[in-house]
Amino acid sequence: MSDNKTGLKALLRPEDSIVVLIDHQPFQFANLNSHEPTMIVNNVIGLAKGAKAFEVPTILTTVLEERGGYIIKGLQDVFPDQKPINRTWVNTWEDTNVTDVVKKSGRKQLILAALWTEVCLAMPAIHALGEGYDVFVVTDASGGASKESHDMAVRRLVQAGAVPITWLAVLSEWQRDWAREKTAGLLAGVLAEHGGGTGVAFAWELQLLASGQKASK
């Protein structure tokens, strides 16, 4: 684990990031009790769309999909040509089909989201920390079997050295500067679809701008 906890190096950079989305499947959602499931669906899809916009490599993975179900459709739709890596390992970081892709990328800012937090997020995060990765756990795109299990897992991860973060914070750090016009428009689109109040406010702003343009003619 590096000591990049403060300063500019502590912030996420698209060129150094890689995302692994773990087990957003029906079986895991069936016992998700730490969050409202629709929020996790919204947030993980928003995170995935943001990663695609910023050209951040993203790995989809499932566990025993023949019994636990396929990855949720909204997430698969973001990467329609990617076949999720189906595992038997509970700990994703013990599956070389996943870790080989991460290692080959050469990227060290590892961003993880998973169901459940206490198992499928905690295990690979702690394991990867031991191999020198800067691990960021997206807490609102992950969830546990209970609020307590989610909260205790996040506490454990923080003690181990992982950085808890939300999906909007991830995208904001990747953008960093609104002068980066290439991604600013794409980010605005993601926020409009998945940003809740932010998306509503953005739509309102566009309405006001359009009204102003009509009034000036």
C-alpha atoms as a PDB file:
ATOM      1  CA  MET A   1       0.000   0.000   0.000  1.00  0.00           C
ATOM      2  CA  SER A   2       1.393   3.392  -0.970  1.00  0.00           C
ATOM      3  CA  ASP A   3       1.235   6.416   1.311  1.00  0.00           C
ATOM      4  CA  ASN A   4      -0.740   8.520  -1.178  1.00  0.00           C
ATOM      5  CA  LYS A   5      -3.421   9.548   1.318  1.00  0.00           C
ATOM      6  CA  THR A   6      -3.038  13.316   1.088  1.00  0.00           C
ATOM      7  CA  GLY A   7      -2.096  15.859  -1.512  1.00  0.00           C
ATOM      8  CA  LEU A   8      -2.853  15.832  -5.219  1.00  0.00           C
ATOM      9  CA  LYS A   9      -1.672  12.234  -5.606  1.00  0.00           C
ATOM     10  CA  ALA A  10      -4.466  11.110  -3.303  1.00  0.00           C
ATOM     11  CA  LEU A  11      -7.108  12.098  -5.858  1.00  0.00           C
ATOM     12  CA  LEU A  12      -8.318   9.741  -8.545  1.00  0.00           C
ATOM     13  CA  ARG A  13      -7.004  10.080 -12.091  1.00  0.00           C
ATOM     14  CA  PRO A  14      -8.660   8.373 -15.092  1.00  0.00           C
ATOM     15  CA  GLU A  15      -5.327   7.312 -16.565  1.00  0.00           C
ATOM     16  CA  ASP A  16      -4.321   5.539 -13.334  1.00  0.00           C
ATOM     17  CA  SER A  17      -7.718   4.036 -12.420  1.00  0.00           C
ATOM     18  CA  ILE A  18      -9.272   0.653 -13.052  1.00  0.00           C
ATOM     19  CA  VAL A  19     -12.740  -0.420 -11.904  1.00  0.00           C
ATOM     20  CA  VAL A  20     -13.883  -3.883 -10.837  1.00  0.00           C
ATOM     21  CA  LEU A  21     -17.636  -4.376 -10.329  1.00  0.00           C
ATOM     22  CA  ILE A  22     -18.359  -7.544  -8.392  1.00  0.00           C
ATOM     23  CA  ASP A  23     -21.491  -9.681  -8.166  1.00  0.00           C
ATOM     24  CA  HIS A  24     -24.335  -7.260  -8.844  1.00  0.00           C
ATOM     25  CA  GLN A  25     -26.575 -10.302  -9.382  1.00  0.00           C
ATOM     26  CA  PRO A  26     -30.123 -11.339  -8.388  1.00  0.00           C
ATOM     27  CA  PHE A  27     -29.056 -13.661  -5.559  1.00  0.00           C
ATOM     28  CA  GLN A  28     -27.029 -10.942  -3.873  1.00  0.00           C
ATOM     29  CA  PHE A  29     -29.784  -8.366  -4.315  1.00  0.00           C
ATOM     30  CA  ALA A  30     -32.246 -10.791  -2.706  1.00  0.00           C
ATOM     31  CA  ASN A  31     -30.499 -10.387   0.655  1.00  0.00           C
ATOM     32  CA  LEU A  32     -29.444  -6.752   0.297  1.00  0.00           C
ATOM     33  CA  ASN A  33     -30.757  -4.978   3.381  1.00  0.00           C
ATOM     34  CA  SER A  34     -28.281  -2.162   4.034  1.00  0.00           C
ATOM     35  CA  HIS A  35     -29.635   0.032   1.220  1.00  0.00           C
ATOM     36  CA  GLU A  36     -32.727   0.412  -0.902  1.00  0.00           C
ATOM     37  CA  PRO A  37     -31.874  -1.899  -3.850  1.00  0.00           C
ATOM     38  CA  THR A  38     -32.996   0.632  -6.452  1.00  0.00           C
ATOM     39  CA  MET A  39     -30.350   3.046  -5.174  1.00  0.00           C
ATOM     40  CA  ILE A  40     -27.566   0.486  -5.580  1.00  0.00           C
ATOM     41  CA  VAL A  41     -28.798  -0.301  -9.091  1.00  0.00           C
ATOM     42  CA  ASN A  42     -28.832   3.392  -9.981  1.00  0.00           C
ATOM     43  CA  ASN A  43     -25.447   4.107  -8.443  1.00  0.00           C
ATOM     44  CA  VAL A  44     -23.495   1.184  -9.881  1.00  0.00           C
ATOM     45  CA  ILE A  45     -24.874   1.858 -13.361  1.00  0.00           C
ATOM     46  CA  GLY A  46     -23.961   5.536 -12.959  1.00  0.00           C
ATOM     47  CA  LEU A  47     -20.462   4.530 -11.885  1.00  0.00           C
ATOM     48  CA  ALA A  48     -20.127   2.193 -14.880  1.00  0.00           C
ATOM     49  CA  LYS A  49     -21.317   4.846 -17.331  1.00  0.00           C
ATOM     50  CA  GLY A  50     -18.876   7.315 -15.801  1.00  0.00           C
ATOM     51  CA  ALA A  51     -16.012   4.859 -16.170  1.00  0.00           C
ATOM     52  CA  LYS A  52     -16.926   4.359 -19.818  1.00  0.00           C
ATOM     53  CA  ALA A  53     -17.083   8.118 -20.397  1.00  0.00           C
ATOM     54  CA  PHE A  54     -13.619   8.597 -18.924  1.00  0.00           C
ATOM     55  CA  GLU A  55     -12.274   5.522 -20.730  1.00  0.00           C
ATOM     56  CA  VAL A  56     -11.388   3.830 -17.451  1.00  0.00           C
ATOM     57  CA  PRO A  57     -11.015   0.039 -17.898  1.00  0.00           C
ATOM     58  CA  THR A  58     -13.885  -1.737 -16.170  1.00  0.00           C
ATOM     59  CA  ILE A  59     -14.114  -5.421 -15.293  1.00  0.00           C
ATOM     60  CA  LEU A  60     -17.464  -7.084 -14.699  1.00  0.00           C
ATOM     61  CA  THR A  61     -17.449 -10.262 -12.643  1.00  0.00           C
ATOM     62  CA  THR A  62     -20.026 -12.675 -11.238  1.00  0.00           C
ATOM     63  CA  VAL A  63     -19.948 -15.649  -8.921  1.00  0.00           C
ATOM     64  CA  LEU A  64     -21.670 -18.875  -9.960  1.00  0.00           C
ATOM     65  CA  GLU A  65     -23.946 -17.036 -12.373  1.00  0.00           C
ATOM     66  CA  GLU A  66     -25.672 -20.295 -13.315  1.00  0.00           C
ATOM     67  CA  ARG A  67     -27.180 -20.286  -9.810  1.00  0.00           C
ATOM     68  CA  GLY A  68     -26.806 -16.687  -8.645  1.00  0.00           C
ATOM     69  CA  GLY A  69     -28.110 -15.164 -11.852  1.00  0.00           C
ATOM     70  CA  TYR A  70     -26.652 -12.992 -14.573  1.00  0.00           C
ATOM     71  CA  ILE A  71     -25.337  -9.528 -13.802  1.00  0.00           C
ATOM     72  CA  ILE A  72     -28.152  -6.940 -13.780  1.00  0.00           C
ATOM     73  CA  LYS A  73     -29.241  -5.886 -17.254  1.00  0.00           C
ATOM     74  CA  GLY A  74     -28.655  -2.173 -16.775  1.00  0.00           C
ATOM     75  CA  LEU A  75     -25.022  -2.805 -15.914  1.00  0.00           C
ATOM     76  CA  GLN A  76     -24.478  -5.279 -18.728  1.00  0.00           C
ATOM     77  CA  ASP A  77     -26.030  -2.772 -21.141  1.00  0.00           C
ATOM     78  CA  VAL A  78     -23.233  -0.299 -20.402  1.00  0.00           C
ATOM     79  CA  PHE A  79     -20.717  -2.852 -21.679  1.00  0.00           C
ATOM     80  CA  PRO A  80     -22.821  -4.999 -24.043  1.00  0.00           C
ATOM     81  CA  ASP A  81     -19.837  -6.733 -25.618  1.00  0.00           C
ATOM     82  CA  GLN A  82     -18.126  -7.674 -22.366  1.00  0.00           C
ATOM     83  CA  LYS A  83     -18.777 -11.142 -20.943  1.00  0.00           C
ATOM     84  CA  PRO A  84     -18.551 -10.927 -17.152  1.00  0.00           C
ATOM     85  CA  ILE A  85     -15.844 -13.116 -15.650  1.00  0.00           C
ATOM     86  CA  ASN A  86     -17.712 -15.890 -13.862  1.00  0.00           C
ATOM     87  CA  ARG A  87     -15.923 -17.179 -10.757  1.00  0.00           C
ATOM     88  CA  THR A  88     -16.093 -19.905  -8.192  1.00  0.00           C
ATOM     89  CA  TRP A  89     -13.805 -17.978  -5.830  1.00  0.00           C
ATOM     90  CA  VAL A  90     -15.658 -15.907  -3.229  1.00  0.00           C
ATOM     91  CA  ASN A  91     -12.601 -13.661  -3.060  1.00  0.00           C
ATOM     92  CA  THR A  92     -12.320 -12.105  -6.517  1.00  0.00           C
ATOM     93  CA  TRP A  93      -8.625 -11.395  -5.957  1.00  0.00           C
ATOM     94  CA  GLU A  94      -7.873 -15.124  -5.887  1.00  0.00           C
ATOM     95  CA  ASP A  95      -9.139 -15.515  -9.453  1.00  0.00           C
ATOM     96  CA  THR A  96      -6.286 -14.936 -11.878  1.00  0.00           C
ATOM     97  CA  ASN A  97      -8.751 -14.318 -14.703  1.00  0.00           C
ATOM     98  CA  VAL A  98      -9.531 -11.046 -12.933  1.00  0.00           C
ATOM     99  CA  THR A  99      -6.178 -10.136 -11.433  1.00  0.00           C
ATOM    100  CA  ASP A 100      -4.264 -10.795 -14.655  1.00  0.00           C
ATOM    101  CA  VAL A 101      -6.343  -8.132 -16.401  1.00  0.00           C
ATOM    102  CA  VAL A 102      -5.718  -5.646 -13.589  1.00  0.00           C
ATOM    103  CA  LYS A 103      -1.990  -6.354 -13.479  1.00  0.00           C
ATOM    104  CA  LYS A 104      -1.649  -6.125 -17.250  1.00  0.00           C
ATOM    105  CA  SER A 105      -3.195  -2.641 -17.168  1.00  0.00           C
ATOM    106  CA  GLY A 106      -0.382  -1.369 -14.952  1.00  0.00           C
ATOM    107  CA  ARG A 107      -2.875   0.822 -13.102  1.00  0.00           C
ATOM    108  CA  LYS A 108      -2.634   1.143  -9.319  1.00  0.00           C
ATOM    109  CA  GLN A 109      -5.789   3.059  -8.371  1.00  0.00           C
ATOM    110  CA  LEU A 110      -8.189   0.163  -7.881  1.00  0.00           C
ATOM    111  CA  ILE A 111     -11.864   1.097  -7.572  1.00  0.00           C
ATOM    112  CA  LEU A 112     -14.153  -1.624  -6.261  1.00  0.00           C
ATOM    113  CA  ALA A 113     -17.898  -1.998  -5.766  1.00  0.00           C
ATOM    114  CA  ALA A 114     -19.573  -5.250  -4.794  1.00  0.00           C
ATOM    115  CA  LEU A 115     -22.421  -7.170  -3.242  1.00  0.00           C
ATOM    116  CA  TRP A 116     -22.004  -7.877  -0.408  1.00  0.00           C
ATOM    117  CA  THR A 117     -19.768  -5.354   1.311  1.00  0.00           C
ATOM    118  CA  GLU A 118     -18.761  -7.654   4.157  1.00  0.00           C
ATOM    119  CA  VAL A 119     -17.732 -10.501   1.851  1.00  0.00           C
ATOM    120  CA  CYS A 120     -17.221  -9.819  -1.845  1.00  0.00           C
ATOM    121  CA  LEU A 121     -15.973  -6.260  -1.340  1.00  0.00           C
ATOM    122  CA  ALA A 122     -13.929  -6.750   1.829  1.00  0.00           C
ATOM    123  CA  MET A 123     -11.969  -9.807   0.708  1.00  0.00           C
ATOM    124  CA  PRO A 124     -10.505  -8.505  -2.576  1.00  0.00           C
ATOM    125  CA  ALA A 125      -9.980  -5.009  -1.170  1.00  0.00           C
ATOM    126  CA  ILE A 126      -7.910  -6.264   1.760  1.00  0.00           C
ATOM    127  CA  HIS A 127      -6.056  -8.722  -0.465  1.00  0.00           C
ATOM    128  CA  ALA A 128      -5.220  -6.045  -3.077  1.00  0.00           C
ATOM    129  CA  LEU A 129      -4.071  -3.622  -0.390  1.00  0.00           C
ATOM    130  CA  GLY A 130      -1.488  -6.186   0.591  1.00  0.00           C
ATOM    131  CA  GLU A 131      -0.168  -6.158  -2.976  1.00  0.00           C
ATOM    132  CA  GLY A 132       0.406  -2.410  -3.023  1.00  0.00           C
ATOM    133  CA  TYR A 133      -2.733  -1.121  -4.739  1.00  0.00           C
ATOM    134  CA  ASP A 134      -4.427   2.120  -3.727  1.00  0.00           C
ATOM    135  CA  VAL A 135      -7.897   0.741  -3.096  1.00  0.00           C
ATOM    136  CA  PHE A 136     -11.045   2.848  -3.237  1.00  0.00           C
ATOM    137  CA  VAL A 137     -14.329   1.218  -2.180  1.00  0.00           C
ATOM    138  CA  VAL A 138     -17.503   2.748  -3.582  1.00  0.00           C
ATOM    139  CA  THR A 139     -19.795   2.449  -0.595  1.00  0.00           C
ATOM    140  CA  ASP A 140     -23.022   3.578  -2.236  1.00  0.00           C
ATOM    141  CA  ALA A 141     -22.616   1.187  -5.170  1.00  0.00           C
ATOM    142  CA  SER A 142     -22.089  -1.671  -2.694  1.00  0.00           C
ATOM    143  CA  GLY A 143     -24.300  -3.116   0.002  1.00  0.00           C
ATOM    144  CA  GLY A 144     -24.505  -5.733   2.712  1.00  0.00           C
ATOM    145  CA  ALA A 145     -26.908  -8.218   4.244  1.00  0.00           C
ATOM    146  CA  SER A 146     -27.678  -5.659   6.955  1.00  0.00           C
ATOM    147  CA  LYS A 147     -26.845  -2.049   7.723  1.00  0.00           C
ATOM    148  CA  GLU A 148     -24.553  -3.229  10.515  1.00  0.00           C
ATOM    149  CA  SER A 149     -22.683  -5.676   8.287  1.00  0.00           C
ATOM    150  CA  HIS A 150     -22.143  -2.974   5.650  1.00  0.00           C
ATOM    151  CA  ASP A 151     -21.002  -0.417   8.233  1.00  0.00           C
ATOM    152  CA  MET A 152     -18.681  -2.824  10.016  1.00  0.00           C
ATOM    153  CA  ALA A 153     -17.153  -3.889   6.707  1.00  0.00           C
ATOM    154  CA  VAL A 154     -16.459  -0.271   5.744  1.00  0.00           C
ATOM    155  CA  ARG A 155     -14.845   0.307   9.161  1.00  0.00           C
ATOM    156  CA  ARG A 156     -12.686  -2.765   8.682  1.00  0.00           C
ATOM    157  CA  LEU A 157     -11.666  -1.637   5.214  1.00  0.00           C
ATOM    158  CA  VAL A 158     -10.705   1.809   6.451  1.00  0.00           C
ATOM    159  CA  GLN A 159      -8.565   0.237   9.181  1.00  0.00           C
ATOM    160  CA  ALA A 160      -6.872  -1.862   6.512  1.00  0.00           C
ATOM    161  CA  GLY A 161      -6.090   1.238   4.453  1.00  0.00           C
ATOM    162  CA  ALA A 162      -8.850   1.393   1.848  1.00  0.00           C
ATOM    163  CA  VAL A 163     -10.487   4.716   0.989  1.00  0.00           C
ATOM    164  CA  PRO A 164     -14.302   4.846   1.172  1.00  0.00           C
ATOM    165  CA  ILE A 165     -15.833   6.979  -1.570  1.00  0.00           C
ATOM    166  CA  THR A 166     -19.164   7.519  -3.327  1.00  0.00           C
ATOM    167  CA  TRP A 167     -19.810   7.129  -7.034  1.00  0.00           C
ATOM    168  CA  LEU A 168     -20.366  10.858  -7.593  1.00  0.00           C
ATOM    169  CA  ALA A 169     -17.069  11.618  -5.880  1.00  0.00           C
ATOM    170  CA  VAL A 170     -15.289   9.140  -8.162  1.00  0.00           C
ATOM    171  CA  LEU A 171     -16.613  10.852 -11.290  1.00  0.00           C
ATOM    172  CA  SER A 172     -15.910  14.316  -9.894  1.00  0.00           C
ATOM    173  CA  GLU A 173     -12.277  13.471  -9.185  1.00  0.00           C
ATOM    174  CA  TRP A 174     -11.863  12.035 -12.670  1.00  0.00           C
ATOM    175  CA  GLN A 175     -13.250  15.252 -14.178  1.00  0.00           C
ATOM    176  CA  ARG A 176     -11.390  17.609 -11.815  1.00  0.00           C
ATOM    177  CA  ASP A 177     -11.647  20.584 -14.183  1.00  0.00           C
ATOM    178  CA  TRP A 178     -14.727  21.684 -16.126  1.00  0.00           C
ATOM    179  CA  ALA A 179     -12.389  23.001 -18.818  1.00  0.00           C
ATOM    180  CA  ARG A 180     -11.881  19.373 -19.832  1.00  0.00           C
ATOM    181  CA  GLU A 181     -14.624  19.652 -22.415  1.00  0.00           C
ATOM    182  CA  LYS A 182     -14.128  16.177 -23.868  1.00  0.00           C
ATOM    183  CA  THR A 183     -15.603  14.542 -20.774  1.00  0.00           C
ATOM    184  CA  ALA A 184     -17.629  17.412 -19.282  1.00  0.00           C
ATOM    185  CA  GLY A 185     -20.569  16.824 -21.614  1.00  0.00           C
ATOM    186  CA  LEU A 186     -20.471  13.066 -21.097  1.00  0.00           C
ATOM    187  CA  LEU A 187     -20.375  13.525 -17.317  1.00  0.00           C
ATOM    188  CA  ALA A 188     -23.344  15.884 -17.489  1.00  0.00           C
ATOM    189  CA  GLY A 189     -25.271  13.193 -19.333  1.00  0.00           C
ATOM    190  CA  VAL A 190     -24.528  10.604 -16.638  1.00  0.00           C
ATOM    191  CA  LEU A 191     -25.572  13.036 -13.911  1.00  0.00           C
ATOM    192  CA  ALA A 192     -28.784  13.835 -15.754  1.00  0.00           C
ATOM    193  CA  GLU A 193     -29.712  10.134 -15.808  1.00  0.00           C
ATOM    194  CA  HIS A 194     -28.423   8.976 -12.436  1.00  0.00           C
ATOM    195  CA  GLY A 195     -27.573  12.032 -10.332  1.00  0.00           C
ATOM    196  CA  GLY A 196     -30.898  12.402  -8.523  1.00  0.00           C
ATOM    197  CA  GLY A 197     -31.372  16.022  -7.464  1.00  0.00           C
ATOM    198  CA  THR A 198     -28.263  17.013  -9.383  1.00  0.00           C
ATOM    199  CA  GLY A 199     -29.779  15.613 -12.565  1.00  0.00           C
ATOM    200  CA  VAL A 200     -33.081  17.412 -11.934  1.00  0.00           C
ATOM    201  CA  ALA A 201     -31.256  20.701 -11.331  1.00  0.00           C
ATOM    202  CA  PHE A 202     -29.227  20.212 -14.501  1.00  0.00           C
ATOM    203  CA  ALA A 203     -32.392  19.642 -16.552  1.00  0.00           C
ATOM    204  CA  TRP A 204     -33.864  22.810 -15.009  1.00  0.00           C
ATOM    205  CA  GLU A 205     -30.723  24.766 -15.920  1.00  0.00           C
ATOM    206  CA  LEU A 206     -31.015  23.604 -19.526  1.00  0.00           C
ATOM    207  CA  GLN A 207     -34.670  24.658 -19.517  1.00  0.00           C
ATOM    208  CA  LEU A 208     -33.780  28.146 -18.259  1.00  0.00           C
ATOM    209  CA  LEU A 209     -31.003  28.502 -20.822  1.00  0.00           C
ATOM    210  CA  ALA A 210     -33.364  27.474 -23.596  1.00  0.00           C
ATOM    211  CA  SER A 211     -36.007  29.927 -22.360  1.00  0.00           C
ATOM    212  CA  GLY A 212     -33.434  32.714 -22.283  1.00  0.00           C
ATOM    213  CA  GLN A 213     -32.351  31.987 -25.828  1.00  0.00           C
ATOM    214  CA  LYS A 214     -35.960  32.080 -27.040  1.00  0.00           C
ATOM    215  CA  ALA A 215     -36.582  35.376 -25.223  1.00  0.00           C
ATOM    216  CA  SER A 216     -33.538  36.978 -26.827  1.00  0.00           C
ATOM    217  CA  LYS A 217     -34.724  36.251 -30.363  1.00  0.00           C
END
